C-alpha cells in the first residue's frame, strides 16, 4: 500500500518533532531540568514574578501540573514563592538568582541547539519553514 502525500508529510513532521524533543532533553540534561520546567523558567524570565494561575495560563497546562513543576523548581532552589505585595493572601512565584543563571544558560544552549539543528537549511528554506510553521500555529 502506497503512502498518501499527507501521510508522508505528517510522518516527516513527527520525525522532526521527535528529533527536536530528544535534542532538547540532551540539551537540558546538564541542569537536570525537564522541558516543562525550562518553559516555566523562560516565562518567569520574560514576565517576572507571577501567580501560579497566571503561569498556568502562559504554560497552557492545568494548575495542578504547574504546582508540580514549581515544586520541583523550588526544591532545586531555582524559584521561590513569596507573598504578593498587592494581595497578601496570594503567592507569587519568582526566579532566584540561581534560577536566573540557569535560565540564561538554558536559553543560550537552546539557541545553539536550534542553530545547529537548522544549519542544514539555507536562509531561504529557514524563512519559508518559519512562515509555514507560524501559519500552522495560527
C-alpha atoms as a PDB file:
ATOM      1  CA  UNK A   1       0.000   0.000   0.000  1.00  0.00           C
ATOM      2  CA  UNK A   2       1.437   3.352  -1.067  1.00  0.00           C
ATOM      3  CA  UNK A   3       1.547   6.238   1.422  1.00  0.00           C
ATOM      4  CA  UNK A   4      -0.526   9.275   0.689  1.00  0.00           C
ATOM      5  CA  UNK A   5       1.440  12.551   0.405  1.00  0.00           C
ATOM      6  CA  UNK A   6      -0.292  13.823   3.585  1.00  0.00           C
ATOM      7  CA  UNK A   7       0.818  10.727   5.500  1.00  0.00           C
ATOM      8  CA  UNK A   8       4.393  11.194   4.356  1.00  0.00           C
ATOM      9  CA  UNK A   9       4.319  14.855   5.368  1.00  0.00           C
ATOM     10  CA  UNK A  10       2.763  14.053   8.742  1.00  0.00           C
ATOM     11  CA  UNK A  11       5.300  11.308   9.385  1.00  0.00           C
ATOM     12  CA  UNK A  12       8.174  13.591   8.399  1.00  0.00           C
ATOM     13  CA  UNK A  13       6.841  16.271  10.755  1.00  0.00           C
ATOM     14  CA  UNK A  14       6.533  13.758  13.608  1.00  0.00           C
ATOM     15  CA  UNK A  15      10.056  12.542  12.921  1.00  0.00           C
ATOM     16  CA  UNK A  16      11.475  16.071  13.108  1.00  0.00           C
ATOM     17  CA  UNK A  17       9.460  16.778  16.275  1.00  0.00           C
ATOM     18  CA  UNK A  18      10.841  13.583  17.827  1.00  0.00           C
ATOM     19  CA  UNK A  19      14.412  14.594  16.923  1.00  0.00           C
ATOM     20  CA  UNK A  20      13.864  18.031  18.480  1.00  0.00           C
ATOM     21  CA  UNK A  21      12.414  16.511  21.676  1.00  0.00           C
ATOM     22  CA  UNK A  22      15.414  14.190  22.063  1.00  0.00           C
ATOM     23  CA  UNK A  23      17.848  17.009  21.336  1.00  0.00           C
ATOM     24  CA  UNK A  24      16.094  19.224  23.885  1.00  0.00           C
ATOM     25  CA  UNK A  25      16.342  16.515  26.544  1.00  0.00           C
ATOM     26  CA  UNK A  26      20.083  16.207  25.876  1.00  0.00           C
ATOM     27  CA  UNK A  27      20.483  19.997  25.979  1.00  0.00           C
ATOM     28  CA  UNK A  28      18.655  20.300  29.319  1.00  0.00           C
ATOM     29  CA  UNK A  29      20.452  17.357  30.957  1.00  0.00           C
ATOM     30  CA  UNK A  30      23.327  19.397  32.480  1.00  0.00           C
ATOM     31  CA  UNK A  31      20.800  21.403  34.511  1.00  0.00           C
ATOM     32  CA  UNK A  32      18.647  18.381  35.464  1.00  0.00           C
ATOM     33  CA  UNK A  33      15.596  20.311  34.243  1.00  0.00           C
ATOM     34  CA  UNK A  34      12.626  18.931  32.313  1.00  0.00           C
ATOM     35  CA  UNK A  35      11.245  20.704  29.235  1.00  0.00           C
ATOM     36  CA  UNK A  36       8.217  21.861  31.283  1.00  0.00           C
ATOM     37  CA  UNK A  37      10.477  23.260  33.976  1.00  0.00           C
ATOM     38  CA  UNK A  38      12.612  25.012  31.358  1.00  0.00           C
ATOM     39  CA  UNK A  39       9.474  26.574  29.860  1.00  0.00           C
ATOM     40  CA  UNK A  40       8.424  27.824  33.312  1.00  0.00           C
ATOM     41  CA  UNK A  41      11.863  29.359  33.862  1.00  0.00           C
ATOM     42  CA  UNK A  42      11.581  31.053  30.470  1.00  0.00           C
ATOM     43  CA  UNK A  43       8.158  32.518  31.265  1.00  0.00           C
ATOM     44  CA  UNK A  44       9.367  33.833  34.629  1.00  0.00           C
ATOM     45  CA  UNK A  45      12.443  35.307  32.933  1.00  0.00           C
ATOM     46  CA  UNK A  46      10.312  37.163  30.380  1.00  0.00           C
ATOM     47  CA  UNK A  47       7.431  38.224  32.618  1.00  0.00           C
ATOM     48  CA  UNK A  48       8.824  38.341  36.148  1.00  0.00           C
ATOM     49  CA  UNK A  49       7.148  37.096  39.320  1.00  0.00           C
ATOM     50  CA  UNK A  50       3.575  35.894  38.879  1.00  0.00           C
ATOM     51  CA  UNK A  51       0.824  33.886  40.486  1.00  0.00           C
ATOM     52  CA  UNK A  52       0.591  30.181  39.747  1.00  0.00           C
ATOM     53  CA  UNK A  53      -2.691  30.666  37.869  1.00  0.00           C
ATOM     54  CA  UNK A  54      -1.117  33.171  35.502  1.00  0.00           C
ATOM     55  CA  UNK A  55       1.866  30.862  34.991  1.00  0.00           C
ATOM     56  CA  UNK A  56      -0.548  28.005  34.200  1.00  0.00           C
ATOM     57  CA  UNK A  57      -2.121  30.182  31.521  1.00  0.00           C
ATOM     58  CA  UNK A  58       1.257  31.001  29.957  1.00  0.00           C
ATOM     59  CA  UNK A  59       2.325  27.356  30.026  1.00  0.00           C
ATOM     60  CA  UNK A  60      -1.103  26.158  28.845  1.00  0.00           C
ATOM     61  CA  UNK A  61      -1.218  23.436  31.476  1.00  0.00           C
ATOM     62  CA  UNK A  62      -3.608  22.777  34.343  1.00  0.00           C
ATOM     63  CA  UNK A  63      -2.864  24.431  37.701  1.00  0.00           C
ATOM     64  CA  UNK A  64      -2.104  21.072  39.361  1.00  0.00           C
ATOM     65  CA  UNK A  65       0.639  20.386  36.813  1.00  0.00           C
ATOM     66  CA  UNK A  66       2.002  23.903  37.285  1.00  0.00           C
ATOM     67  CA  UNK A  67       2.205  23.274  41.026  1.00  0.00           C
ATOM     68  CA  UNK A  68       4.246  20.116  40.399  1.00  0.00           C
ATOM     69  CA  UNK A  69       6.601  21.993  38.045  1.00  0.00           C
ATOM     70  CA  UNK A  70       7.089  24.811  40.564  1.00  0.00           C
ATOM     71  CA  UNK A  71       7.520  22.400  43.485  1.00  0.00           C
ATOM     72  CA  UNK A  72      10.401  20.718  41.637  1.00  0.00           C
ATOM     73  CA  UNK A  73      11.975  24.059  40.672  1.00  0.00           C
ATOM     74  CA  UNK A  74      11.629  25.289  44.253  1.00  0.00           C
ATOM     75  CA  UNK A  75      13.265  22.116  45.574  1.00  0.00           C
ATOM     76  CA  UNK A  76      16.166  22.794  43.174  1.00  0.00           C
ATOM     77  CA  UNK A  77      16.309  26.382  44.533  1.00  0.00           C
ATOM     78  CA  UNK A  78      15.604  27.834  41.076  1.00  0.00           C
ATOM     79  CA  UNK A  79      12.368  29.588  42.106  1.00  0.00           C
ATOM     80  CA  UNK A  80      10.854  30.802  45.329  1.00  0.00           C
ATOM     81  CA  UNK A  81       7.344  31.516  46.500  1.00  0.00           C
ATOM     82  CA  UNK A  82       6.707  34.896  48.079  1.00  0.00           C
ATOM     83  CA  UNK A  83       3.758  36.933  49.253  1.00  0.00           C
ATOM     84  CA  UNK A  84       2.054  39.085  46.653  1.00  0.00           C
ATOM     85  CA  UNK A  85       2.505  42.699  47.843  1.00  0.00           C
ATOM     86  CA  UNK A  86      -0.844  43.588  46.239  1.00  0.00           C
ATOM     87  CA  UNK A  87      -2.736  40.760  47.973  1.00  0.00           C
ATOM     88  CA  UNK A  88      -1.080  39.193  50.991  1.00  0.00           C
ATOM     89  CA  UNK A  89      -3.372  36.145  50.688  1.00  0.00           C
ATOM     90  CA  UNK A  90      -1.883  35.353  47.269  1.00  0.00           C
ATOM     91  CA  UNK A  91       1.509  33.891  46.442  1.00  0.00           C
ATOM     92  CA  UNK A  92       3.883  34.841  43.653  1.00  0.00           C
ATOM     93  CA  UNK A  93       6.484  32.609  42.059  1.00  0.00           C
ATOM     94  CA  UNK A  94       9.810  34.291  41.283  1.00  0.00           C
ATOM     95  CA  UNK A  95      13.200  33.227  39.991  1.00  0.00           C
ATOM     96  CA  UNK A  96      16.038  33.030  42.473  1.00  0.00           C
ATOM     97  CA  UNK A  97      19.406  34.383  41.362  1.00  0.00           C
ATOM     98  CA  UNK A  98      20.456  30.777  40.733  1.00  0.00           C
ATOM     99  CA  UNK A  99      17.268  30.271  38.706  1.00  0.00           C
ATOM    100  CA  UNK A 100      18.046  33.338  36.609  1.00  0.00           C
ATOM    101  CA  UNK A 101      21.551  31.997  35.914  1.00  0.00           C
ATOM    102  CA  UNK A 102      20.206  28.565  34.964  1.00  0.00           C
ATOM    103  CA  UNK A 103      17.533  30.143  32.751  1.00  0.00           C
ATOM    104  CA  UNK A 104      20.195  32.193  30.947  1.00  0.00           C
ATOM    105  CA  UNK A 105      22.348  29.101  30.441  1.00  0.00           C
ATOM    106  CA  UNK A 106      19.389  27.144  29.101  1.00  0.00           C
ATOM    107  CA  UNK A 107      18.426  29.987  26.764  1.00  0.00           C
ATOM    108  CA  UNK A 108      21.964  30.108  25.320  1.00  0.00           C
ATOM    109  CA  UNK A 109      22.164  26.319  24.982  1.00  0.00           C
ATOM    110  CA  UNK A 110      18.737  26.125  23.311  1.00  0.00           C
ATOM    111  CA  UNK A 111      19.728  28.872  20.846  1.00  0.00           C
ATOM    112  CA  UNK A 112      22.896  26.959  19.957  1.00  0.00           C
ATOM    113  CA  UNK A 113      20.859  23.732  19.703  1.00  0.00           C
ATOM    114  CA  UNK A 114      18.399  25.338  17.281  1.00  0.00           C
ATOM    115  CA  UNK A 115      21.176  26.928  15.237  1.00  0.00           C
ATOM    116  CA  UNK A 116      22.908  23.581  14.860  1.00  0.00           C
ATOM    117  CA  UNK A 117      19.707  21.733  14.034  1.00  0.00           C
ATOM    118  CA  UNK A 118      18.534  24.181  11.380  1.00  0.00           C
ATOM    119  CA  UNK A 119      22.022  24.808   9.937  1.00  0.00           C
ATOM    120  CA  UNK A 120      21.225  22.177   7.295  1.00  0.00           C
ATOM    121  CA  UNK A 121      18.775  24.642   5.740  1.00  0.00           C
ATOM    122  CA  UNK A 122      19.780  27.655   3.709  1.00  0.00           C
ATOM    123  CA  UNK A 123      18.365  31.064   4.633  1.00  0.00           C
ATOM    124  CA  UNK A 124      15.505  30.878   2.092  1.00  0.00           C
ATOM    125  CA  UNK A 125      14.400  27.471   3.428  1.00  0.00           C
ATOM    126  CA  UNK A 126      14.600  28.709   7.031  1.00  0.00           C
ATOM    127  CA  UNK A 127      12.438  31.706   6.150  1.00  0.00           C
ATOM    128  CA  UNK A 128       9.912  29.509   4.358  1.00  0.00           C
ATOM    129  CA  UNK A 129       9.831  26.989   7.192  1.00  0.00           C
ATOM    130  CA  UNK A 130       9.307  29.724   9.783  1.00  0.00           C
ATOM    131  CA  UNK A 131       6.422  31.153   7.742  1.00  0.00           C
ATOM    132  CA  UNK A 132       4.832  27.729   7.289  1.00  0.00           C
ATOM    133  CA  UNK A 133       5.124  26.844  10.975  1.00  0.00           C
ATOM    134  CA  UNK A 134       3.613  30.185  12.016  1.00  0.00           C
ATOM    135  CA  UNK A 135       0.695  29.531   9.655  1.00  0.00           C
ATOM    136  CA  UNK A 136       0.182  26.087  11.181  1.00  0.00           C
ATOM    137  CA  UNK A 137       0.238  27.568  14.703  1.00  0.00           C
ATOM    138  CA  UNK A 138      -2.500  30.074  13.879  1.00  0.00           C
END
